[in-house]
Amino acid sequence: MSPPAEDLEAEAARLRARVAELEADLAAKPPIDRISLYRMANAAPWGVMAINAERRLDYANPALQPWLIAPAPAMGLSEAEAIGPALRDVLAAPVAEALEGREFAAEISLRDMTGQVRDLRVQVFPRGGGGVPVTGAIVSVYDITETQALDRSVRENEARLNHINAVTPTANYIFDYAEGRVAWAAGMMEAVYGYGAEHMQRSDRAFFRGIIHPEDLSRVIQRVAALSRRPDGSVMEIELRVRHPDGEYRWILDRGAVFERDAATGRVAKTLNATIDIDERKRAEERRILLINELNHRVKNTLATVQSIARQTLRPGRPPEQTIDLFTARLVALSAAHNVLTRENWEGAGLRAIVDDSLAPFASGAEARIGASGPDVRLTARAALGLAMALHELATNATKYGGLSNDVGRVDLAWRLANDGRRLEIEWRERNGPEVSTPLRGGFGTRLLTQGLRAELDATVDLDFAADGVVCRIVAPLDPPDAEWTTPPTATAGTNP
């Protein structure tokens, strides 16, 4: 591979000075000095040529042969007889200028005598000068093809790396453990760490220790020790939390491999790392685990509810058809409540949605006979499920025996918030139905209302079997964050207020 351009320039300057010195003293020196000069030129890895004032060659070294017609040293031959036409055309004007004391330098691409295109650095300077008369020109031809190719390759690789860093979602960096700093950084540094590449490269060891979560710092240290014991090229990844400038910790996945080792100890001196932000994934995993645990809990509760429904419905002495219809209806009510909660990801439900879904099966042909009014109130999943089952039982009882069992009766359902939103008050009132009497024995519906709501909502329930219609009053405490007035209280007819 050819030496760099700056080294060639320095060597050319040294050679010019040496040639001028030797030629100035040549007449007084023994013949051995001329031989030494030729030997030095013959050994040079770049082309050297001396042209006299008559434009004939006094000497050409072997490295110049790819550009010569005649074999080196081609002494006494004219430029036309010795130099190939491509190089001769390039040298025509610079040699004339050198004879007048001026220098020339340029980088060109030229086809040699074999037809191969090479990249060259050509220099022409006067032979003599200063106190010595100019007697000709010295030409040096440096083949820089490999150097240029290497430079292009480096530039192309740098551009390719920049493109890769621009499109990948990773923050890429080299960490110097001896100095405790980032030696090089690129890519999504700010997106992953919250700090730009320049900031990361200026920061010290204390900064990096400070942004790593204290619980994760030991694992970072352990990874470096493990990499020291592994062969080069081994990649180890760890998940850790880093603190952003706003103080929030975010999860990242960091993959690291040995980039450089200490020659004396073999310990890791530098690592090459690629890091990606996995905070959303980690939080999704946490939510998934929470949801799985919640689902297990809900399934157990649902099975317990179904078991209670079955135990209360499948009583001896009840006709099978009635038992099946009643059991199915109660399961459908439970399913409807689950549908509302599923739409809300089991994070609770609005009271208005619970009312709509619970009373919808009983509203067909009776829209004007079912009224519901009140603000929308956010309930927990457990409270929503319990209240949905209670409303279904009240509506079922009204359809069979109460205000919806004839053509003139009706039901009014109203609720409101009291005590600064800390208490929910619900009233179910039936009117114009058959005369009501207190049942001799409480069934599933009664126990659901009086016992189930007490457990699910911590509510107090007053169930009044008044002669003109059943009245059920439910009072349940609410925490202020759980009570949301989304619309003002309104009175509406039907189940879609």
Protein backbone atom coordinates (compact mmCIF):
# COMPACT_ATOMS: atom_id res chain seq x y z
CA MET A 1 0.00 0.00 0.00
CA SER A 2 1.32 3.46 -0.93
CA PRO A 3 2.37 5.83 1.87
CA PRO A 4 0.01 8.70 2.75
CA ALA A 5 0.23 11.93 0.76
CA GLU A 6 1.69 13.96 3.62
CA ASP A 7 4.53 11.42 4.07
CA LEU A 8 5.21 11.54 0.35
CA GLU A 9 5.36 15.34 0.43
CA ALA A 10 7.85 15.27 3.26
CA GLU A 11 9.96 12.65 1.52
CA ALA A 12 9.89 14.63 -1.71
CA ALA A 13 11.07 17.76 0.06
CA ARG A 14 13.84 15.79 1.71
CA LEU A 15 14.80 14.24 -1.63
CA ARG A 16 14.88 17.61 -3.40
CA ALA A 17 17.13 19.04 -0.74
CA ARG A 18 19.36 16.01 -0.84
CA VAL A 19 19.59 16.03 -4.66
CA ALA A 20 20.49 19.73 -4.69
CA GLU A 21 23.12 19.15 -2.04
CA LEU A 22 24.62 16.17 -3.79
CA GLU A 23 24.67 17.82 -7.20
CA ALA A 24 26.29 20.93 -5.76
CA ASP A 25 29.08 18.84 -4.31
CA LEU A 26 29.16 16.23 -7.04
CA ALA A 27 32.16 17.63 -8.87
CA ALA A 28 34.27 17.55 -5.71
CA LYS A 29 33.09 14.15 -4.51
CA PRO A 30 34.56 10.78 -5.34
CA PRO A 31 32.66 8.59 -7.87
CA ILE A 32 31.33 6.43 -5.02
CA ASP A 33 28.92 9.24 -4.03
CA ARG A 34 27.30 9.24 -7.46
CA ILE A 35 26.87 5.49 -7.14
CA SER A 36 25.25 5.95 -3.71
CA LEU A 37 22.85 8.47 -5.21
CA TYR A 38 21.83 6.06 -7.93
CA ARG A 39 21.42 3.23 -5.44
CA MET A 40 19.19 5.35 -3.30
CA ALA A 41 17.01 6.33 -6.26
CA ASN A 42 16.93 2.78 -7.56
CA ALA A 43 15.59 1.54 -4.21
CA ALA A 44 12.82 4.17 -3.99
CA PRO A 45 9.30 2.65 -4.18
CA TRP A 46 8.05 5.55 -6.32
CA GLY A 47 9.18 6.74 -9.73
CA VAL A 48 12.07 9.21 -9.98
CA MET A 49 13.33 10.79 -13.21
CA ALA A 50 15.95 13.44 -14.02
CA ILE A 51 15.49 15.45 -17.23
CA ASN A 52 18.17 17.87 -18.45
CA ALA A 53 17.77 21.22 -20.20
CA GLU A 54 17.83 19.51 -23.62
CA ARG A 55 14.74 17.54 -22.55
CA ARG A 56 16.64 14.27 -22.46
CA LEU A 57 16.69 11.80 -19.62
CA ASP A 58 19.75 11.68 -17.42
CA TYR A 59 18.19 8.94 -15.31
CA ALA A 60 14.92 7.04 -14.61
CA ASN A 61 14.62 4.56 -11.74
CA PRO A 62 13.00 1.08 -12.01
CA ALA A 63 9.80 2.15 -10.17
CA LEU A 64 9.01 4.45 -13.12
CA GLN A 65 9.10 1.58 -15.65
CA PRO A 66 5.26 1.26 -15.99
CA TRP A 67 5.30 4.75 -17.53
CA LEU A 68 8.35 4.34 -19.81
CA ILE A 69 8.69 3.15 -23.37
CA ALA A 70 12.36 2.31 -23.03
CA PRO A 71 13.87 0.26 -20.19
CA ALA A 72 15.12 2.20 -17.16
CA PRO A 73 17.42 4.05 -16.64
CA ALA A 74 16.85 5.26 -20.26
CA MET A 75 19.83 7.59 -20.04
CA GLY A 76 20.37 9.97 -22.97
CA LEU A 77 16.98 9.29 -24.56
CA SER A 78 14.62 12.08 -25.42
CA GLU A 79 11.26 12.40 -23.69
CA ALA A 80 9.54 11.07 -26.81
CA GLU A 81 11.89 8.06 -26.91
CA ALA A 82 11.69 7.20 -23.22
CA ILE A 83 8.39 8.33 -21.68
CA GLY A 84 4.97 6.86 -22.51
CA PRO A 85 2.61 9.28 -24.29
CA ALA A 86 0.11 9.57 -21.39
CA LEU A 87 2.73 10.71 -18.87
CA ARG A 88 4.64 12.70 -21.47
CA ASP A 89 1.59 14.85 -22.20
CA VAL A 90 1.14 15.53 -18.48
CA LEU A 91 4.83 16.51 -18.03
CA ALA A 92 5.20 18.73 -21.08
CA ALA A 93 4.31 22.05 -19.45
CA PRO A 94 5.50 21.31 -15.85
CA VAL A 95 9.03 20.37 -17.03
CA ALA A 96 9.25 23.61 -19.02
CA GLU A 97 8.20 25.53 -15.90
CA ALA A 98 10.73 23.66 -13.77
CA LEU A 99 13.51 24.74 -16.13
CA GLU A 100 12.43 28.30 -15.30
CA GLY A 101 12.57 27.57 -11.55
CA ARG A 102 8.91 26.80 -10.81
CA GLU A 103 7.45 23.68 -9.13
CA PHE A 104 4.40 21.62 -10.02
CA ALA A 105 2.25 19.11 -8.10
CA ALA A 106 -1.04 17.43 -8.98
CA GLU A 107 -3.07 14.26 -8.38
CA ILE A 108 -4.32 12.65 -11.58
CA SER A 109 -5.64 9.35 -12.93
CA LEU A 110 -3.56 8.00 -15.79
CA ARG A 111 -3.39 4.84 -17.88
CA ASP A 112 0.02 3.14 -17.70
CA MET A 113 1.78 1.25 -20.49
CA THR A 114 -0.18 -1.93 -19.70
CA GLY A 115 -3.48 -0.07 -20.09
CA GLN A 116 -4.30 -0.07 -16.37
CA VAL A 117 -5.68 3.16 -14.91
CA ARG A 118 -3.76 4.26 -11.83
CA ASP A 119 -4.11 7.18 -9.44
CA LEU A 120 -0.89 9.22 -9.32
CA ARG A 121 0.60 12.15 -7.47
CA VAL A 122 3.04 13.84 -9.86
CA GLN A 123 5.61 16.42 -8.69
CA VAL A 124 8.07 18.34 -10.85
CA PHE A 125 10.66 20.68 -9.38
CA PRO A 126 13.82 22.39 -10.66
CA ARG A 127 17.10 20.52 -10.70
CA GLY A 128 19.28 22.95 -8.80
CA GLY A 129 18.21 26.38 -7.67
CA GLY A 130 19.34 28.73 -5.02
CA GLY A 131 23.07 29.12 -5.46
CA VAL A 132 23.14 26.33 -8.03
CA PRO A 133 22.07 26.98 -11.62
CA VAL A 134 18.96 25.16 -12.83
CA THR A 135 20.17 22.40 -15.12
CA GLY A 136 16.99 20.44 -15.60
CA ALA A 137 13.96 19.00 -13.78
CA ILE A 138 13.41 16.24 -11.23
CA VAL A 139 10.14 14.31 -11.65
CA SER A 140 8.61 12.09 -8.95
CA VAL A 141 5.60 9.88 -9.63
CA TYR A 142 3.83 8.39 -6.62
CA ASP A 143 1.29 5.61 -7.26
CA ILE A 144 -1.49 6.34 -4.76
CA THR A 145 -4.09 3.99 -6.25
CA GLU A 146 -4.30 1.78 -3.17
CA THR A 147 -4.28 4.77 -0.85
CA GLN A 148 -7.08 6.42 -2.77
CA ALA A 149 -9.06 3.18 -2.83
CA LEU A 150 -8.58 2.82 0.90
CA ASP A 151 -9.70 6.41 1.45
CA ARG A 152 -12.78 5.83 -0.68
CA SER A 153 -13.52 2.63 1.18
CA VAL A 154 -13.21 4.41 4.52
CA ARG A 155 -15.51 7.21 3.35
CA GLU A 156 -18.02 4.71 1.98
CA ASN A 157 -17.95 2.71 5.21
CA GLU A 158 -18.41 5.86 7.25
CA ALA A 159 -21.36 6.88 5.10
CA ARG A 160 -22.82 3.38 5.35
CA LEU A 161 -22.39 3.39 9.13
CA ASN A 162 -24.06 6.79 9.35
CA HIS A 163 -26.99 5.47 7.34
CA ILE A 164 -27.25 2.40 9.57
CA ASN A 165 -27.16 4.56 12.69
CA ALA A 166 -29.84 6.78 11.20
CA VAL A 167 -32.35 4.00 10.49
CA THR A 168 -31.77 1.61 13.40
CA PRO A 169 -33.63 2.19 16.68
CA THR A 170 -30.47 1.57 18.71
CA ALA A 171 -28.03 3.84 20.47
CA ASN A 172 -24.53 2.66 19.46
CA TYR A 173 -21.42 3.53 21.43
CA ILE A 174 -17.95 2.45 22.53
CA PHE A 175 -17.34 2.70 26.27
CA ASP A 176 -13.78 3.19 27.57
CA TYR A 177 -13.56 1.60 31.03
CA ALA A 178 -10.08 2.90 31.73
CA GLU A 179 -11.21 6.52 31.34
CA GLY A 180 -14.80 5.90 32.41
CA ARG A 181 -16.37 7.65 29.43
CA VAL A 182 -18.02 7.09 26.07
CA ALA A 183 -15.28 7.16 23.42
CA TRP A 184 -17.68 7.19 20.45
CA ALA A 185 -21.44 7.46 20.15
CA ALA A 186 -24.00 7.49 17.35
CA GLY A 187 -27.57 6.51 16.61
CA MET A 188 -30.57 7.07 18.86
CA MET A 189 -28.64 8.22 21.94
CA GLU A 190 -31.10 10.92 22.95
CA ALA A 191 -34.16 8.74 22.35
CA VAL A 192 -32.75 5.87 24.42
CA TYR A 193 -30.82 7.70 27.14
CA GLY A 194 -32.34 11.17 27.05
CA TYR A 195 -28.93 12.70 26.33
CA GLY A 196 -27.31 13.43 22.95
CA ALA A 197 -24.10 11.83 21.68
CA GLU A 198 -21.97 14.90 22.46
CA HIS A 199 -23.23 15.05 26.04
CA MET A 200 -22.51 11.36 26.52
CA GLN A 201 -18.97 11.74 25.18
CA ARG A 202 -18.25 14.68 27.51
CA SER A 203 -19.57 12.94 30.63
CA ASP A 204 -17.44 11.18 33.23
CA ARG A 205 -17.67 7.96 35.23
CA ALA A 206 -19.75 9.56 37.99
CA PHE A 207 -22.40 10.61 35.48
CA PHE A 208 -22.85 7.10 34.11
CA ARG A 209 -23.02 5.58 37.58
CA GLY A 210 -25.59 8.20 38.47
CA ILE A 211 -28.03 7.49 35.62
CA ILE A 212 -28.07 3.71 36.17
CA HIS A 213 -30.70 2.53 38.62
CA PRO A 214 -28.95 1.51 41.89
CA GLU A 215 -30.55 -1.94 41.75
CA ASP A 216 -29.12 -2.57 38.27
CA LEU A 217 -25.58 -1.22 38.69
CA SER A 218 -24.19 -4.47 40.06
CA ARG A 219 -25.37 -6.40 37.00
CA VAL A 220 -23.57 -3.95 34.71
CA ILE A 221 -20.34 -4.55 36.62
CA GLN A 222 -20.89 -8.31 36.58
CA ARG A 223 -21.31 -8.27 32.80
CA VAL A 224 -17.93 -6.60 32.30
CA ALA A 225 -16.30 -9.26 34.47
CA ALA A 226 -18.07 -12.01 32.52
CA LEU A 227 -16.97 -10.55 29.18
CA SER A 228 -13.35 -10.64 30.40
CA ARG A 229 -13.64 -14.41 30.76
CA ARG A 230 -15.35 -14.95 27.41
CA PRO A 231 -13.72 -15.06 23.96
CA ASP A 232 -13.77 -11.90 21.86
CA GLY A 233 -16.93 -11.57 19.82
CA SER A 234 -19.15 -12.94 22.59
CA VAL A 235 -22.22 -10.78 23.08
CA MET A 236 -23.93 -10.39 26.43
CA GLU A 237 -27.15 -8.50 26.94
CA ILE A 238 -28.75 -7.13 30.08
CA GLU A 239 -31.94 -5.27 30.86
CA LEU A 240 -31.57 -2.26 33.12
CA ARG A 241 -33.14 1.05 33.99
CA VAL A 242 -31.59 4.43 33.23
CA ARG A 243 -32.70 7.82 34.50
CA HIS A 244 -33.64 10.45 31.92
CA PRO A 245 -33.14 14.19 32.49
CA ASP A 246 -36.75 14.47 33.71
CA GLY A 247 -35.94 12.04 36.52
CA GLU A 248 -37.98 9.17 35.08
CA TYR A 249 -36.38 5.73 34.85
CA ARG A 250 -36.88 3.82 31.60
CA TRP A 251 -36.02 0.22 30.77
CA ILE A 252 -33.37 -0.43 28.12
CA LEU A 253 -31.84 -3.56 26.58
CA ASP A 254 -28.06 -3.22 26.24
CA ARG A 255 -26.03 -5.67 24.11
CA GLY A 256 -22.27 -5.48 24.57
CA ALA A 257 -19.14 -7.19 23.23
CA VAL A 258 -15.42 -6.73 23.83
CA PHE A 259 -13.98 -4.08 21.52
CA GLU A 260 -10.48 -3.83 22.99
CA ARG A 261 -8.53 -5.54 25.78
CA ASP A 262 -5.70 -4.35 27.97
CA ALA A 263 -2.56 -5.89 26.47
CA ALA A 264 -0.95 -6.54 29.86
CA THR A 265 -3.89 -7.92 31.88
CA GLY A 266 -6.34 -9.15 29.23
CA ARG A 267 -9.13 -7.29 30.96
CA VAL A 268 -11.81 -5.48 29.02
CA ALA A 269 -10.62 -1.99 28.09
CA LYS A 270 -13.47 -1.03 25.77
CA THR A 271 -16.82 -2.51 24.80
CA LEU A 272 -18.98 -1.95 21.75
CA ASN A 273 -22.61 -1.59 22.75
CA ALA A 274 -26.00 -1.32 21.06
CA THR A 275 -28.93 -0.25 23.22
CA ILE A 276 -32.66 -0.13 22.55
CA ASP A 277 -35.53 1.34 24.57
CA ILE A 278 -37.78 -1.48 25.85
CA ASP A 279 -39.72 0.54 28.40
CA GLU A 280 -43.08 0.05 26.67
CA ARG A 281 -42.44 -3.68 26.34
CA LYS A 282 -41.50 -4.03 30.01
CA ARG A 283 -44.54 -2.09 31.12
CA ALA A 284 -46.71 -4.18 28.81
CA GLU A 285 -45.26 -7.32 30.40
CA GLU A 286 -46.05 -5.97 33.84
CA ARG A 287 -49.60 -5.15 32.74
CA ARG A 288 -49.97 -8.59 31.19
CA ILE A 289 -48.89 -10.28 34.41
CA LEU A 290 -51.27 -8.06 36.35
CA LEU A 291 -54.10 -8.85 33.95
CA ILE A 292 -53.40 -12.58 34.15
CA ASN A 293 -53.52 -12.43 37.93
CA GLU A 294 -56.66 -10.33 37.74
CA LEU A 295 -58.18 -12.76 35.24
CA ASN A 296 -57.46 -15.68 37.55
CA HIS A 297 -59.12 -13.76 40.34
CA ARG A 298 -62.13 -12.88 38.15
CA VAL A 299 -62.54 -16.44 36.94
CA LYS A 300 -62.61 -17.70 40.51
CA ASN A 301 -65.16 -15.06 41.46
CA THR A 302 -67.27 -15.81 38.38
CA LEU A 303 -67.26 -19.52 39.11
CA ALA A 304 -68.27 -18.77 42.68
CA THR A 305 -71.12 -16.59 41.36
CA VAL A 306 -72.26 -19.30 38.95
CA GLN A 307 -72.10 -21.82 41.77
CA SER A 308 -74.28 -19.57 43.93
CA ILE A 309 -76.74 -19.02 41.05
CA ALA A 310 -76.95 -22.75 40.44
CA ARG A 311 -77.42 -23.53 44.13
CA GLN A 312 -80.22 -20.97 44.48
CA THR A 313 -81.92 -21.74 41.14
CA LEU A 314 -81.83 -25.54 41.04
CA ARG A 315 -84.15 -26.02 44.00
CA PRO A 316 -86.30 -29.15 44.46
CA GLY A 317 -89.93 -28.78 43.47
CA ARG A 318 -89.42 -26.15 40.77
CA PRO A 319 -90.54 -27.24 37.28
CA PRO A 320 -87.54 -28.12 35.07
CA GLU A 321 -88.54 -25.69 32.31
CA GLN A 322 -88.79 -22.83 34.79
CA THR A 323 -85.48 -23.81 36.36
CA ILE A 324 -83.70 -23.85 33.00
CA ASP A 325 -85.17 -20.49 31.95
CA LEU A 326 -84.32 -18.87 35.25
CA PHE A 327 -80.79 -20.28 35.34
CA THR A 328 -80.16 -19.23 31.73
CA ALA A 329 -81.48 -15.72 32.32
CA ARG A 330 -79.21 -15.24 35.30
CA LEU A 331 -76.19 -16.45 33.34
CA VAL A 332 -77.07 -14.07 30.51
CA ALA A 333 -77.24 -11.22 33.02
CA LEU A 334 -73.82 -12.18 34.34
CA SER A 335 -72.50 -12.33 30.77
CA ALA A 336 -73.91 -8.88 29.95
CA ALA A 337 -72.14 -7.40 32.95
CA HIS A 338 -68.92 -9.06 31.82
CA ASN A 339 -69.34 -7.54 28.36
CA VAL A 340 -69.46 -4.04 29.82
CA LEU A 341 -66.33 -4.68 31.84
CA THR A 342 -64.53 -6.27 28.90
CA ARG A 343 -65.09 -3.12 26.85
CA GLU A 344 -63.39 -1.21 29.66
CA ASN A 345 -60.51 -3.72 30.03
CA TRP A 346 -61.87 -4.68 33.45
CA GLU A 347 -60.77 -1.34 34.85
CA GLY A 348 -64.34 -0.51 35.93
CA ALA A 349 -67.45 0.69 34.14
CA GLY A 350 -69.87 3.59 34.03
CA LEU A 351 -73.17 3.22 35.91
CA ARG A 352 -75.14 4.38 32.87
CA ALA A 353 -73.67 1.56 30.74
CA ILE A 354 -74.47 -0.94 33.49
CA VAL A 355 -78.09 0.27 33.61
CA ASP A 356 -78.48 0.17 29.82
CA ASP A 357 -77.11 -3.35 29.41
CA SER A 358 -78.89 -4.77 32.46
CA LEU A 359 -82.35 -3.45 31.56
CA ALA A 360 -82.12 -3.86 27.78
CA PRO A 361 -83.70 -7.40 27.76
CA PHE A 362 -86.75 -6.05 29.63
CA ALA A 363 -87.30 -2.89 27.58
CA SER A 364 -88.78 -4.46 24.44
CA GLY A 365 -92.26 -3.04 23.98
CA ALA A 366 -92.00 -1.23 27.30
CA GLU A 367 -89.65 1.67 26.59
CA ALA A 368 -92.09 4.22 27.95
CA ARG A 369 -92.57 2.16 31.12
CA ILE A 370 -88.94 2.04 32.25
CA GLY A 371 -87.37 5.34 33.25
CA ALA A 372 -83.74 5.85 34.27
CA SER A 373 -82.13 9.11 35.34
CA GLY A 374 -78.95 10.20 37.04
CA PRO A 375 -75.35 11.20 36.37
CA ASP A 376 -72.78 8.84 34.98
CA VAL A 377 -70.73 7.42 37.83
CA ARG A 378 -67.55 5.38 37.51
CA LEU A 379 -67.70 2.08 39.42
CA THR A 380 -65.03 -0.46 40.15
CA ALA A 381 -65.23 -3.78 38.29
CA ARG A 382 -66.43 -5.60 41.38
CA ALA A 383 -69.14 -3.04 42.15
CA ALA A 384 -70.28 -2.93 38.51
CA LEU A 385 -70.71 -6.70 38.39
CA GLY A 386 -72.65 -6.81 41.65
CA LEU A 387 -74.96 -3.95 40.68
CA ALA A 388 -75.64 -5.45 37.24
CA MET A 389 -76.78 -8.72 38.80
CA ALA A 390 -78.96 -6.82 41.29
CA LEU A 391 -80.68 -4.77 38.56
CA HIS A 392 -81.34 -7.92 36.56
CA GLU A 393 -83.01 -9.58 39.55
CA LEU A 394 -85.17 -6.50 40.22
CA ALA A 395 -86.21 -6.33 36.55
CA THR A 396 -86.94 -10.05 36.42
CA ASN A 397 -89.11 -9.84 39.55
CA ALA A 398 -90.93 -6.77 38.14
CA THR A 399 -91.65 -8.61 34.88
CA LYS A 400 -93.06 -11.67 36.64
CA TYR A 401 -94.85 -10.17 39.62
CA GLY A 402 -94.48 -6.39 39.75
CA GLY A 403 -94.69 -3.17 37.77
CA LEU A 404 -93.88 -4.72 34.38
CA SER A 405 -96.17 -7.73 34.68
CA ASN A 406 -99.26 -5.91 33.35
CA ASP A 407 -99.95 -3.30 30.68
CA VAL A 408 -100.07 -0.18 32.87
CA GLY A 409 -97.29 -0.56 35.40
CA ARG A 410 -93.87 1.07 35.20
CA VAL A 411 -90.47 1.24 36.85
CA ASP A 412 -88.55 4.38 37.78
CA LEU A 413 -84.83 4.01 38.44
CA ALA A 414 -83.02 7.09 39.75
CA TRP A 415 -79.61 7.69 41.29
CA ARG A 416 -77.63 10.60 42.56
CA LEU A 417 -74.38 11.50 44.25
CA ALA A 418 -74.45 12.86 47.78
CA ASN A 419 -72.02 13.95 50.45
CA ASP A 420 -69.74 15.74 47.95
CA GLY A 421 -69.58 12.74 45.67
CA ARG A 422 -68.65 10.31 48.43
CA ARG A 423 -71.98 8.45 48.45
CA LEU A 424 -74.09 6.88 45.70
CA GLU A 425 -77.84 6.68 46.33
CA ILE A 426 -79.98 4.50 44.05
CA GLU A 427 -83.75 4.02 44.14
CA TRP A 428 -85.76 1.41 42.22
CA ARG A 429 -89.50 2.12 42.42
CA GLU A 430 -92.32 0.13 40.80
CA ARG A 431 -95.77 1.66 40.23
CA ASN A 432 -99.26 0.57 39.04
CA GLY A 433 -98.50 -3.10 39.15
CA PRO A 434 -100.42 -5.84 40.95
CA GLU A 435 -100.76 -5.50 44.69
CA VAL A 436 -97.55 -6.57 46.39
CA SER A 437 -97.20 -8.64 49.51
CA THR A 438 -94.09 -9.50 51.46
CA PRO A 439 -92.84 -12.96 50.46
CA LEU A 440 -92.86 -15.61 53.15
CA ARG A 441 -89.37 -16.78 52.25
CA GLY A 442 -86.56 -14.78 50.65
CA GLY A 443 -85.18 -16.24 47.44
CA PHE A 444 -81.98 -15.79 45.49
CA GLY A 445 -82.92 -12.28 44.38
CA THR A 446 -83.55 -11.08 47.90
CA ARG A 447 -80.28 -12.53 49.17
CA LEU A 448 -78.42 -11.08 46.18
CA LEU A 449 -79.76 -7.63 46.96
CA THR A 450 -79.34 -7.67 50.71
CA GLN A 451 -76.20 -9.75 51.08
CA GLY A 452 -74.45 -9.54 47.70
CA LEU A 453 -74.48 -5.76 47.40
CA ARG A 454 -73.35 -5.43 50.97
CA ALA A 455 -70.27 -7.47 50.04
CA GLU A 456 -69.61 -6.01 46.58
CA LEU A 457 -70.34 -2.31 47.24
CA ASP A 458 -70.18 -2.15 51.05
CA ALA A 459 -73.74 -0.94 50.58
CA THR A 460 -76.83 -0.77 52.75
CA VAL A 461 -79.97 -2.07 51.04
CA ASP A 462 -83.56 -1.31 52.03
CA LEU A 463 -86.04 -3.60 50.24
CA ASP A 464 -89.64 -2.47 50.79
CA PHE A 465 -92.50 -4.66 49.53
CA ALA A 466 -95.05 -1.84 49.60
CA ALA A 467 -98.58 -2.64 48.44
CA ASP A 468 -98.40 -0.25 45.46
CA GLY A 469 -95.02 -1.55 44.27
CA VAL A 470 -91.60 -2.77 45.33
CA VAL A 471 -89.11 -0.09 46.35
CA CYS A 472 -85.39 -0.86 46.65
CA ARG A 473 -83.02 1.76 48.01
CA ILE A 474 -79.27 1.22 47.76
CA VAL A 475 -76.74 3.47 49.46
CA ALA A 476 -73.05 2.81 48.73
CA PRO A 477 -69.94 4.78 49.69
CA LEU A 478 -67.70 6.06 46.90
CA ASP A 479 -64.21 7.47 46.98
CA PRO A 480 -64.11 10.90 45.28
CA PRO A 481 -61.83 9.73 42.42
CA ASP A 482 -64.31 7.00 41.54
CA ALA A 483 -67.25 9.40 41.14
CA GLU A 484 -67.29 11.23 37.80
CA TRP A 485 -70.05 13.65 36.75
CA THR A 486 -69.83 13.37 33.00
CA THR A 487 -73.32 14.79 32.34
CA PRO A 488 -75.79 16.72 34.50
CA PRO A 489 -78.65 14.71 36.04
CA THR A 490 -81.45 14.13 33.54
CA ALA A 491 -84.80 12.36 33.62
CA THR A 492 -85.39 10.08 30.66
CA ALA A 493 -87.83 7.42 29.62
CA GLY A 494 -86.60 3.99 28.59
CA THR A 495 -83.26 2.40 29.21
CA ASN A 496 -81.20 4.63 26.92
CA PRO A 497 -81.18 8.00 28.70
